[in-house]
Amino acid sequence: MSVQERKARERVERERLIVATARELAEQQGWDAVTTRRLAERIEYSQPVLYSHFRGKREIIGAVALQGAAELAAAVRAATLAADGPRARVAALAHAYLDFAARNPAVYDALFQLDGGLAYAQEDTPEPLKDAFAALLESLGEVAGEGVDPGLFTEVFWACLHGIATLTRAGRLPPEYTEHRVELLVDRLAVL
């Protein structure tokens, strides 16, 4: 291995460490606790090294969001793959989405609440974000109903899931009724 290859590998590893540390700190203490100074201390590199990877916290949030989008897509696909039939797939999708949001609140915020400098629903949207939407569309498109644009239906269903996730986490909706909310959402919106 050449020196250049080793340095490139070390750079990738440092970047992974920065993102993992930011994510861990955000999950433990919230995004306000994530500062370049604290990250530099935790990873035992100087702040200039951090800035050689990311221009600031916004880009770090974006990197966490992209990682989270890939994980969300994988979770949704795994859940829907194991389900039998359209209704079961849509219910599994809803549960996988809500479980992801509940288990990873800081990542969920990076994806859908915070400014990570990422373009959504545009030509230059990063692939992991497009793929997360595609994971939803794969199951929801088949239950959109005749004459309904599958992408638009997916956006509406996703908005409902997002509302359930954020309102439940904020204590605005009692969590014990989540299953009933999912059943209602699936039964009323999905054409089965």
N, C-alpha and C. Protein backbone atom coordinates (compact mmCIF):
# COMPACT_ATOMS: atom_id res chain seq x y z
N MET A 1 0.83 -1.17 0.00
CA MET A 1 0.00 0.00 0.00
C MET A 1 0.89 1.25 0.00
N SER A 2 0.55 2.15 -0.87
CA SER A 2 1.35 3.37 -0.97
C SER A 2 0.99 4.33 0.17
N VAL A 3 1.85 5.30 0.36
CA VAL A 3 1.61 6.32 1.39
C VAL A 3 0.32 7.07 1.08
N GLN A 4 0.12 7.37 -0.20
CA GLN A 4 -1.08 8.10 -0.61
C GLN A 4 -2.34 7.28 -0.31
N GLU A 5 -2.32 5.99 -0.58
CA GLU A 5 -3.48 5.12 -0.28
C GLU A 5 -3.73 5.05 1.22
N ARG A 6 -2.67 4.95 1.99
CA ARG A 6 -2.80 4.89 3.45
C ARG A 6 -3.41 6.19 3.97
N LYS A 7 -2.94 7.32 3.47
CA LYS A 7 -3.47 8.61 3.90
C LYS A 7 -4.94 8.76 3.51
N ALA A 8 -5.30 8.29 2.34
CA ALA A 8 -6.70 8.35 1.91
C ALA A 8 -7.57 7.47 2.82
N ARG A 9 -7.08 6.29 3.15
CA ARG A 9 -7.81 5.39 4.06
C ARG A 9 -7.96 6.03 5.44
N GLU A 10 -6.90 6.64 5.93
CA GLU A 10 -6.94 7.30 7.24
C GLU A 10 -7.93 8.47 7.23
N ARG A 11 -7.98 9.18 6.13
CA ARG A 11 -8.92 10.30 6.00
C ARG A 11 -10.36 9.81 6.08
N VAL A 12 -10.65 8.75 5.36
CA VAL A 12 -12.00 8.17 5.39
C VAL A 12 -12.35 7.71 6.80
N GLU A 13 -11.41 7.07 7.47
CA GLU A 13 -11.63 6.60 8.85
C GLU A 13 -11.86 7.77 9.80
N ARG A 14 -11.09 8.85 9.65
CA ARG A 14 -11.27 10.04 10.48
C ARG A 14 -12.66 10.64 10.27
N GLU A 15 -13.07 10.69 9.00
CA GLU A 15 -14.40 11.23 8.70
C GLU A 15 -15.49 10.38 9.34
N ARG A 16 -15.36 9.07 9.24
CA ARG A 16 -16.32 8.16 9.89
C ARG A 16 -16.36 8.40 11.40
N LEU A 17 -15.18 8.58 11.99
CA LEU A 17 -15.08 8.82 13.43
C LEU A 17 -15.78 10.13 13.81
N ILE A 18 -15.59 11.15 13.03
CA ILE A 18 -16.23 12.45 13.29
C ILE A 18 -17.75 12.29 13.25
N VAL A 19 -18.26 11.65 12.21
CA VAL A 19 -19.71 11.48 12.06
C VAL A 19 -20.26 10.61 13.18
N ALA A 20 -19.60 9.51 13.48
CA ALA A 20 -20.07 8.62 14.55
C ALA A 20 -20.06 9.32 15.90
N THR A 21 -19.03 10.10 16.15
CA THR A 21 -18.93 10.82 17.42
C THR A 21 -20.00 11.90 17.52
N ALA A 22 -20.23 12.63 16.43
CA ALA A 22 -21.27 13.65 16.42
C ALA A 22 -22.63 13.02 16.66
N ARG A 23 -22.86 11.92 16.02
CA ARG A 23 -24.14 11.21 16.16
C ARG A 23 -24.32 10.73 17.61
N GLU A 24 -23.29 10.15 18.15
CA GLU A 24 -23.36 9.64 19.52
C GLU A 24 -23.62 10.79 20.51
N LEU A 25 -22.90 11.87 20.35
CA LEU A 25 -23.06 13.02 21.23
C LEU A 25 -24.47 13.61 21.09
N ALA A 26 -24.95 13.72 19.87
CA ALA A 26 -26.29 14.26 19.63
C ALA A 26 -27.37 13.36 20.23
N GLU A 27 -27.21 12.05 20.10
CA GLU A 27 -28.19 11.12 20.67
C GLU A 27 -28.18 11.18 22.20
N GLN A 28 -27.02 11.40 22.78
CA GLN A 28 -26.91 11.46 24.25
C GLN A 28 -27.35 12.79 24.83
N GLN A 29 -26.94 13.91 24.16
CA GLN A 29 -27.14 15.22 24.77
C GLN A 29 -27.87 16.23 23.89
N GLY A 30 -28.24 15.83 22.70
CA GLY A 30 -28.91 16.75 21.78
C GLY A 30 -27.92 17.45 20.87
N TRP A 31 -28.44 18.01 19.78
CA TRP A 31 -27.58 18.65 18.79
C TRP A 31 -26.91 19.92 19.31
N ASP A 32 -27.49 20.56 20.29
CA ASP A 32 -26.84 21.76 20.85
C ASP A 32 -25.49 21.42 21.48
N ALA A 33 -25.35 20.20 21.94
CA ALA A 33 -24.09 19.77 22.57
C ALA A 33 -23.00 19.48 21.55
N VAL A 34 -23.37 19.36 20.29
CA VAL A 34 -22.40 19.04 19.25
C VAL A 34 -21.75 20.33 18.75
N THR A 35 -20.51 20.51 19.15
CA THR A 35 -19.72 21.66 18.69
C THR A 35 -18.41 21.12 18.14
N THR A 36 -17.78 21.89 17.30
CA THR A 36 -16.50 21.43 16.75
C THR A 36 -15.46 21.27 17.85
N ARG A 37 -15.53 22.12 18.85
CA ARG A 37 -14.57 22.01 19.96
C ARG A 37 -14.77 20.67 20.70
N ARG A 38 -16.01 20.35 21.04
CA ARG A 38 -16.28 19.10 21.76
C ARG A 38 -15.95 17.89 20.90
N LEU A 39 -16.26 17.97 19.62
CA LEU A 39 -15.93 16.86 18.73
C LEU A 39 -14.42 16.66 18.66
N ALA A 40 -13.70 17.76 18.51
CA ALA A 40 -12.24 17.68 18.43
C ALA A 40 -11.68 17.04 19.70
N GLU A 41 -12.20 17.42 20.85
CA GLU A 41 -11.73 16.84 22.11
C GLU A 41 -12.04 15.34 22.17
N ARG A 42 -13.24 14.97 21.77
CA ARG A 42 -13.65 13.56 21.86
C ARG A 42 -12.88 12.66 20.90
N ILE A 43 -12.60 13.15 19.72
CA ILE A 43 -11.91 12.29 18.75
C ILE A 43 -10.39 12.44 18.84
N GLU A 44 -9.96 13.38 19.67
CA GLU A 44 -8.54 13.62 19.93
C GLU A 44 -7.78 14.07 18.68
N TYR A 45 -8.43 14.97 17.95
CA TYR A 45 -7.80 15.67 16.84
C TYR A 45 -8.05 17.15 17.04
N SER A 46 -7.30 17.96 16.37
CA SER A 46 -7.48 19.41 16.50
C SER A 46 -8.70 19.86 15.69
N GLN A 47 -9.18 21.04 16.04
CA GLN A 47 -10.30 21.60 15.28
C GLN A 47 -9.94 21.81 13.81
N PRO A 48 -8.72 22.24 13.47
CA PRO A 48 -8.38 22.36 12.05
C PRO A 48 -8.49 21.03 11.29
N VAL A 49 -8.20 19.92 11.96
CA VAL A 49 -8.37 18.61 11.31
C VAL A 49 -9.85 18.38 11.02
N LEU A 50 -10.70 18.72 11.98
CA LEU A 50 -12.14 18.59 11.77
C LEU A 50 -12.59 19.43 10.59
N TYR A 51 -12.09 20.66 10.53
CA TYR A 51 -12.46 21.56 9.44
C TYR A 51 -11.89 21.12 8.10
N SER A 52 -10.90 20.27 8.11
CA SER A 52 -10.39 19.74 6.84
C SER A 52 -11.36 18.71 6.25
N HIS A 53 -12.28 18.23 7.07
CA HIS A 53 -13.30 17.27 6.61
C HIS A 53 -14.65 17.94 6.40
N PHE A 54 -15.02 18.81 7.32
CA PHE A 54 -16.33 19.47 7.29
C PHE A 54 -16.13 20.95 7.57
N ARG A 55 -16.88 21.79 6.85
CA ARG A 55 -16.75 23.23 7.05
C ARG A 55 -17.39 23.70 8.35
N GLY A 56 -18.17 22.86 8.97
CA GLY A 56 -18.81 23.23 10.22
C GLY A 56 -19.89 22.24 10.61
N LYS A 57 -20.61 22.59 11.63
CA LYS A 57 -21.64 21.72 12.18
C LYS A 57 -22.73 21.38 11.15
N ARG A 58 -23.07 22.33 10.32
CA ARG A 58 -24.11 22.10 9.31
C ARG A 58 -23.74 20.91 8.42
N GLU A 59 -22.51 20.86 7.96
CA GLU A 59 -22.08 19.75 7.11
C GLU A 59 -22.03 18.43 7.88
N ILE A 60 -21.71 18.50 9.15
CA ILE A 60 -21.70 17.29 9.98
C ILE A 60 -23.13 16.77 10.13
N ILE A 61 -24.08 17.67 10.35
CA ILE A 61 -25.49 17.29 10.42
C ILE A 61 -25.90 16.64 9.10
N GLY A 62 -25.47 17.21 7.99
CA GLY A 62 -25.78 16.63 6.68
C GLY A 62 -25.22 15.23 6.52
N ALA A 63 -24.00 15.02 7.00
CA ALA A 63 -23.39 13.69 6.91
C ALA A 63 -24.15 12.68 7.76
N VAL A 64 -24.58 13.09 8.94
CA VAL A 64 -25.38 12.21 9.80
C VAL A 64 -26.72 11.92 9.12
N ALA A 65 -27.30 12.93 8.49
CA ALA A 65 -28.58 12.75 7.80
C ALA A 65 -28.45 11.73 6.66
N LEU A 66 -27.38 11.82 5.90
CA LEU A 66 -27.19 10.87 4.79
C LEU A 66 -27.01 9.45 5.31
N GLN A 67 -26.27 9.32 6.38
CA GLN A 67 -26.09 8.01 7.00
C GLN A 67 -27.44 7.49 7.51
N GLY A 68 -28.20 8.36 8.14
CA GLY A 68 -29.52 7.99 8.65
C GLY A 68 -30.49 7.61 7.54
N ALA A 69 -30.43 8.31 6.42
CA ALA A 69 -31.31 8.00 5.30
C ALA A 69 -31.05 6.58 4.79
N ALA A 70 -29.79 6.20 4.71
CA ALA A 70 -29.45 4.84 4.28
C ALA A 70 -29.97 3.81 5.28
N GLU A 71 -29.84 4.11 6.55
CA GLU A 71 -30.33 3.19 7.59
C GLU A 71 -31.85 3.10 7.58
N LEU A 72 -32.53 4.22 7.39
CA LEU A 72 -33.99 4.22 7.31
C LEU A 72 -34.46 3.40 6.11
N ALA A 73 -33.83 3.60 4.97
CA ALA A 73 -34.21 2.83 3.77
C ALA A 73 -34.03 1.33 4.02
N ALA A 74 -32.92 0.96 4.64
CA ALA A 74 -32.67 -0.46 4.92
C ALA A 74 -33.70 -1.02 5.89
N ALA A 75 -34.05 -0.25 6.92
CA ALA A 75 -35.04 -0.71 7.91
C ALA A 75 -36.41 -0.89 7.27
N VAL A 76 -36.80 0.05 6.44
CA VAL A 76 -38.11 -0.04 5.77
C VAL A 76 -38.13 -1.23 4.82
N ARG A 77 -37.07 -1.39 4.05
CA ARG A 77 -37.05 -2.52 3.10
C ARG A 77 -37.04 -3.86 3.82
N ALA A 78 -36.30 -3.97 4.90
CA ALA A 78 -36.26 -5.23 5.65
C ALA A 78 -37.63 -5.54 6.21
N ALA A 79 -38.31 -4.54 6.74
CA ALA A 79 -39.64 -4.76 7.33
C ALA A 79 -40.66 -5.14 6.27
N THR A 80 -40.64 -4.47 5.13
CA THR A 80 -41.63 -4.74 4.11
C THR A 80 -41.36 -6.06 3.39
N LEU A 81 -40.10 -6.42 3.29
CA LEU A 81 -39.75 -7.69 2.66
C LEU A 81 -40.31 -8.87 3.44
N ALA A 82 -40.35 -8.74 4.75
CA ALA A 82 -40.84 -9.82 5.61
C ALA A 82 -42.36 -9.87 5.69
N ALA A 83 -43.06 -8.86 5.16
CA ALA A 83 -44.51 -8.79 5.25
C ALA A 83 -45.17 -9.47 4.05
N ASP A 84 -46.34 -10.02 4.28
CA ASP A 84 -47.08 -10.73 3.23
C ASP A 84 -48.32 -9.94 2.83
N GLY A 85 -48.32 -9.43 1.63
CA GLY A 85 -49.47 -8.70 1.11
C GLY A 85 -49.34 -7.19 1.29
N PRO A 86 -50.08 -6.44 0.47
CA PRO A 86 -49.97 -4.98 0.48
C PRO A 86 -50.27 -4.34 1.84
N ARG A 87 -51.34 -4.75 2.51
CA ARG A 87 -51.70 -4.14 3.79
C ARG A 87 -50.60 -4.39 4.82
N ALA A 88 -50.14 -5.62 4.88
CA ALA A 88 -49.08 -5.97 5.84
C ALA A 88 -47.80 -5.19 5.52
N ARG A 89 -47.49 -5.00 4.23
CA ARG A 89 -46.30 -4.24 3.86
C ARG A 89 -46.41 -2.78 4.29
N VAL A 90 -47.58 -2.18 4.09
CA VAL A 90 -47.76 -0.78 4.45
C VAL A 90 -47.70 -0.63 5.98
N ALA A 91 -48.32 -1.53 6.70
CA ALA A 91 -48.27 -1.48 8.17
C ALA A 91 -46.83 -1.69 8.65
N ALA A 92 -46.13 -2.62 8.04
CA ALA A 92 -44.73 -2.88 8.42
C ALA A 92 -43.86 -1.66 8.13
N LEU A 93 -44.11 -1.02 7.00
CA LEU A 93 -43.40 0.20 6.65
C LEU A 93 -43.63 1.27 7.71
N ALA A 94 -44.88 1.48 8.09
CA ALA A 94 -45.22 2.50 9.09
C ALA A 94 -44.53 2.21 10.41
N HIS A 95 -44.57 0.97 10.84
CA HIS A 95 -43.93 0.60 12.11
C HIS A 95 -42.41 0.76 12.04
N ALA A 96 -41.82 0.36 10.93
CA ALA A 96 -40.37 0.49 10.78
C ALA A 96 -39.96 1.96 10.81
N TYR A 97 -40.73 2.79 10.13
CA TYR A 97 -40.45 4.23 10.10
C TYR A 97 -40.54 4.82 11.51
N LEU A 98 -41.64 4.55 12.19
CA LEU A 98 -41.84 5.10 13.54
C LEU A 98 -40.83 4.55 14.53
N ASP A 99 -40.48 3.28 14.40
CA ASP A 99 -39.46 2.69 15.27
C ASP A 99 -38.11 3.36 15.04
N PHE A 100 -37.76 3.59 13.79
CA PHE A 100 -36.50 4.27 13.47
C PHE A 100 -36.48 5.66 14.10
N ALA A 101 -37.57 6.40 13.94
CA ALA A 101 -37.64 7.77 14.49
C ALA A 101 -37.51 7.75 16.02
N ALA A 102 -38.13 6.78 16.66
CA ALA A 102 -38.09 6.70 18.13
C ALA A 102 -36.71 6.27 18.64
N ARG A 103 -36.08 5.33 17.93
CA ARG A 103 -34.77 4.81 18.37
C ARG A 103 -33.61 5.75 18.06
N ASN A 104 -33.79 6.62 17.09
CA ASN A 104 -32.71 7.49 16.62
C ASN A 104 -33.17 8.95 16.54
N PRO A 105 -33.58 9.54 17.65
CA PRO A 105 -34.15 10.90 17.56
C PRO A 105 -33.21 11.96 17.00
N ALA A 106 -31.94 11.89 17.32
CA ALA A 106 -31.00 12.90 16.80
C ALA A 106 -30.78 12.71 15.30
N VAL A 107 -30.69 11.48 14.87
CA VAL A 107 -30.53 11.20 13.44
C VAL A 107 -31.80 11.63 12.70
N TYR A 108 -32.95 11.33 13.29
CA TYR A 108 -34.22 11.73 12.68
C TYR A 108 -34.28 13.25 12.54
N ASP A 109 -33.84 13.96 13.59
CA ASP A 109 -33.80 15.42 13.51
C ASP A 109 -32.85 15.89 12.42
N ALA A 110 -31.70 15.24 12.31
CA ALA A 110 -30.75 15.61 11.25
C ALA A 110 -31.37 15.42 9.88
N LEU A 111 -32.15 14.37 9.73
CA LEU A 111 -32.80 14.08 8.46
C LEU A 111 -33.92 15.06 8.12
N PHE A 112 -34.77 15.35 9.11
CA PHE A 112 -36.03 16.02 8.79
C PHE A 112 -36.31 17.32 9.53
N GLN A 113 -35.46 17.72 10.47
CA GLN A 113 -35.76 18.92 11.22
C GLN A 113 -34.67 19.98 11.10
N LEU A 114 -33.43 19.55 11.02
CA LEU A 114 -32.30 20.48 11.06
C LEU A 114 -31.78 20.79 9.66
N ASP A 115 -31.07 21.89 9.55
CA ASP A 115 -30.46 22.27 8.28
C ASP A 115 -29.08 21.63 8.16
N GLY A 116 -29.02 20.60 7.33
CA GLY A 116 -27.75 19.94 7.06
C GLY A 116 -27.18 20.34 5.71
N GLY A 117 -27.79 21.36 5.10
CA GLY A 117 -27.31 21.84 3.82
C GLY A 117 -27.61 20.90 2.65
N LEU A 118 -28.58 20.02 2.84
CA LEU A 118 -28.91 19.04 1.80
C LEU A 118 -30.14 19.48 1.01
N ALA A 119 -30.14 19.17 -0.26
CA ALA A 119 -31.29 19.46 -1.12
C ALA A 119 -32.27 18.30 -1.06
N TYR A 120 -33.52 18.60 -0.83
CA TYR A 120 -34.58 17.60 -0.80
C TYR A 120 -35.51 17.84 -1.99
N ALA A 121 -35.94 16.74 -2.61
CA ALA A 121 -36.92 16.79 -3.70
C ALA A 121 -36.47 17.70 -4.84
N GLN A 122 -35.19 17.63 -5.16
CA GLN A 122 -34.63 18.41 -6.26
C GLN A 122 -33.72 17.52 -7.09
N GLU A 123 -33.28 18.03 -8.21
CA GLU A 123 -32.38 17.25 -9.07
C GLU A 123 -31.09 16.88 -8.36
N ASP A 124 -30.57 17.79 -7.54
CA ASP A 124 -29.30 17.54 -6.88
C ASP A 124 -29.45 16.91 -5.48
N THR A 125 -30.61 16.32 -5.22
CA THR A 125 -30.81 15.61 -3.96
C THR A 125 -29.81 14.45 -3.89
N PRO A 126 -29.10 14.32 -2.78
CA PRO A 126 -28.14 13.21 -2.66
C PRO A 126 -28.84 11.84 -2.74
N GLU A 127 -28.13 10.88 -3.29
CA GLU A 127 -28.67 9.54 -3.52
C GLU A 127 -29.27 8.89 -2.27
N PRO A 128 -28.63 8.95 -1.10
CA PRO A 128 -29.24 8.31 0.07
C PRO A 128 -30.64 8.86 0.40
N LEU A 129 -30.85 10.15 0.18
CA LEU A 129 -32.17 10.73 0.43
C LEU A 129 -33.18 10.25 -0.61
N LYS A 130 -32.75 10.19 -1.86
CA LYS A 130 -33.63 9.67 -2.91
C LYS A 130 -33.98 8.21 -2.63
N ASP A 131 -33.00 7.45 -2.17
CA ASP A 131 -33.24 6.04 -1.91
C ASP A 131 -34.18 5.82 -0.72
N ALA A 132 -34.08 6.67 0.29
CA ALA A 132 -35.00 6.55 1.43
C ALA A 132 -36.44 6.79 0.97
N PHE A 133 -36.64 7.79 0.11
CA PHE A 133 -37.97 8.03 -0.43
C PHE A 133 -38.40 6.86 -1.31
N ALA A 134 -37.48 6.33 -2.10
CA ALA A 134 -37.79 5.19 -2.96
C ALA A 134 -38.21 3.98 -2.13
N ALA A 135 -37.60 3.80 -0.97
CA ALA A 135 -37.97 2.68 -0.10
C ALA A 135 -39.41 2.81 0.36
N LEU A 136 -39.86 4.02 0.61
CA LEU A 136 -41.26 4.25 0.97
C LEU A 136 -42.17 4.03 -0.24
N LEU A 137 -41.76 4.57 -1.37
CA LEU A 137 -42.55 4.49 -2.60
C LEU A 137 -42.76 3.05 -3.06
N GLU A 138 -41.79 2.19 -2.83
CA GLU A 138 -41.89 0.80 -3.28
C GLU A 138 -43.13 0.11 -2.74
N SER A 139 -43.46 0.35 -1.49
CA SER A 139 -44.65 -0.28 -0.90
C SER A 139 -45.89 0.61 -1.01
N LEU A 140 -45.70 1.90 -0.89
CA LEU A 140 -46.86 2.80 -0.89
C LEU A 140 -47.42 3.02 -2.29
N GLY A 141 -46.57 2.95 -3.29
CA GLY A 141 -47.04 3.15 -4.66
C GLY A 141 -48.09 2.15 -5.07
N GLU A 142 -48.01 0.94 -4.54
CA GLU A 142 -48.98 -0.10 -4.93
C GLU A 142 -50.33 0.07 -4.25
N VAL A 143 -50.44 0.97 -3.27
CA VAL A 143 -51.72 1.15 -2.58
C VAL A 143 -52.24 2.59 -2.72
N ALA A 144 -51.68 3.33 -3.64
CA ALA A 144 -52.07 4.73 -3.82
C ALA A 144 -53.50 4.87 -4.32
N GLY A 145 -53.96 3.94 -5.10
CA GLY A 145 -55.30 4.00 -5.66
C GLY A 145 -55.27 4.48 -7.09
N GLU A 146 -56.31 4.12 -7.79
CA GLU A 146 -56.41 4.46 -9.21
C GLU A 146 -56.49 5.96 -9.40
N GLY A 147 -55.70 6.46 -10.33
CA GLY A 147 -55.70 7.88 -10.65
C GLY A 147 -54.93 8.75 -9.67
N VAL A 148 -54.29 8.14 -8.68
CA VAL A 148 -53.51 8.90 -7.70
C VAL A 148 -52.03 8.73 -8.01
N ASP A 149 -51.32 9.83 -8.11
CA ASP A 149 -49.89 9.78 -8.37
C ASP A 149 -49.20 9.08 -7.20
N PRO A 150 -48.47 7.97 -7.45
CA PRO A 150 -47.82 7.24 -6.36
C PRO A 150 -46.83 8.08 -5.55
N GLY A 151 -46.11 8.97 -6.21
CA GLY A 151 -45.17 9.83 -5.51
C GLY A 151 -45.88 10.80 -4.58
N LEU A 152 -46.96 11.38 -5.05
CA LEU A 152 -47.74 12.31 -4.23
C LEU A 152 -48.36 11.58 -3.04
N PHE A 153 -48.89 10.39 -3.30
CA PHE A 153 -49.46 9.59 -2.21
C PHE A 153 -48.39 9.27 -1.17
N THR A 154 -47.20 8.92 -1.63
CA THR A 154 -46.10 8.60 -0.71
C THR A 154 -45.75 9.82 0.13
N GLU A 155 -45.74 11.01 -0.49
CA GLU A 155 -45.46 12.23 0.28
C GLU A 155 -46.50 12.45 1.38
N VAL A 156 -47.78 12.24 1.06
CA VAL A 156 -48.84 12.44 2.04
C VAL A 156 -48.74 11.42 3.17
N PHE A 157 -48.52 10.16 2.83
CA PHE A 157 -48.40 9.11 3.84
C PHE A 157 -47.18 9.38 4.72
N TRP A 158 -46.07 9.75 4.10
CA TRP A 158 -44.84 10.08 4.83
C TRP A 158 -45.08 11.26 5.77
N ALA A 159 -45.81 12.28 5.29
CA ALA A 159 -46.10 13.44 6.14
C ALA A 159 -46.91 13.01 7.37
N CYS A 160 -47.83 12.08 7.19
CA CYS A 160 -48.60 11.57 8.32
C CYS A 160 -47.69 10.84 9.31
N LEU A 161 -46.81 10.00 8.80
CA LEU A 161 -45.87 9.29 9.69
C LEU A 161 -44.97 10.27 10.42
N HIS A 162 -44.51 11.27 9.71
CA HIS A 162 -43.65 12.29 10.32
C HIS A 162 -44.40 13.01 11.45
N GLY A 163 -45.64 13.34 11.19
CA GLY A 163 -46.45 13.99 12.22
C GLY A 163 -46.62 13.11 13.45
N ILE A 164 -46.91 11.85 13.24
CA ILE A 164 -47.05 10.92 14.36
C ILE A 164 -45.74 10.83 15.13
N ALA A 165 -44.64 10.68 14.41
CA ALA A 165 -43.33 10.54 15.05
C ALA A 165 -42.97 11.77 15.87
N THR A 166 -43.10 12.95 15.28
CA THR A 166 -42.67 14.16 15.97
C THR A 166 -43.63 14.56 17.09
N LEU A 167 -44.91 14.41 16.86
CA LEU A 167 -45.88 14.78 17.90
C LEU A 167 -45.83 13.81 19.08
N THR A 168 -45.59 12.55 18.82
CA THR A 168 -45.47 11.57 19.91
C THR A 168 -44.21 11.87 20.72
N ARG A 169 -43.11 12.09 20.04
CA ARG A 169 -41.85 12.38 20.73
C ARG A 169 -41.93 13.65 21.56
N ALA A 170 -42.68 14.63 21.08
CA ALA A 170 -42.82 15.90 21.80
C ALA A 170 -43.83 15.82 22.94
N GLY A 171 -44.46 14.65 23.10
CA GLY A 171 -45.44 14.49 24.16
C GLY A 171 -46.80 15.07 23.83
N ARG A 172 -47.02 15.39 22.56
CA ARG A 172 -48.30 15.97 22.13
C ARG A 172 -49.33 14.88 21.83
N LEU A 173 -48.85 13.68 21.53
CA LEU A 173 -49.72 12.52 21.31
C LEU A 173 -49.31 11.43 22.28
N PRO A 174 -50.28 10.78 22.95
CA PRO A 174 -49.91 9.70 23.87
C PRO A 174 -49.39 8.48 23.10
N PRO A 175 -48.22 7.97 23.49
CA PRO A 175 -47.61 6.87 22.74
C PRO A 175 -48.42 5.57 22.76
N GLU A 176 -49.24 5.38 23.75
CA GLU A 176 -49.99 4.11 23.84
C GLU A 176 -51.01 3.94 22.72
N TYR A 177 -51.30 5.00 21.96
CA TYR A 177 -52.25 4.90 20.85
C TYR A 177 -51.58 4.84 19.49
N THR A 178 -50.29 4.68 19.47
CA THR A 178 -49.56 4.66 18.20
C THR A 178 -50.06 3.54 17.29
N GLU A 179 -50.25 2.36 17.84
CA GLU A 179 -50.74 1.24 17.02
C GLU A 179 -52.09 1.56 16.39
N HIS A 180 -52.97 2.19 17.14
CA HIS A 180 -54.28 2.57 16.59
C HIS A 180 -54.14 3.63 15.51
N ARG A 181 -53.20 4.54 15.69
CA ARG A 181 -52.97 5.56 14.66
C ARG A 181 -52.48 4.91 13.36
N VAL A 182 -51.57 3.95 13.49
CA VAL A 182 -51.06 3.26 12.31
C VAL A 182 -52.19 2.50 11.61
N GLU A 183 -53.01 1.81 12.37
CA GLU A 183 -54.15 1.08 11.78
C GLU A 183 -55.08 2.03 11.04
N LEU A 184 -55.40 3.14 11.65
CA LEU A 184 -56.27 4.14 11.03
C LEU A 184 -55.64 4.69 9.76
N LEU A 185 -54.38 5.01 9.83
CA LEU A 185 -53.67 5.54 8.67
C LEU A 185 -53.68 4.55 7.51
N VAL A 186 -53.36 3.31 7.81
CA VAL A 186 -53.32 2.28 6.77
C VAL A 186 -54.72 2.04 6.21
N ASP A 187 -55.71 1.90 7.11
CA ASP A 187 -57.07 1.58 6.67
C ASP A 187 -57.72 2.71 5.88
N ARG A 188 -57.43 3.96 6.23
CA ARG A 188 -58.10 5.08 5.58
C ARG A 188 -57.38 5.60 4.34
N LEU A 189 -56.07 5.49 4.32
CA LEU A 189 -55.33 6.06 3.19
C LEU A 189 -54.97 5.04 2.12
N ALA A 190 -54.64 3.85 2.53
CA ALA A 190 -54.18 2.85 1.55
C ALA A 190 -55.37 2.16 0.90
N VAL A 191 -55.33 2.11 -0.44
CA VAL A 191 -56.38 1.40 -1.19
C VAL A 191 -55.92 -0.04 -1.33
N LEU A 192 -56.56 -0.91 -0.57
CA LEU A 192 -56.12 -2.31 -0.54
C LEU A 192 -57.07 -3.21 -1.27
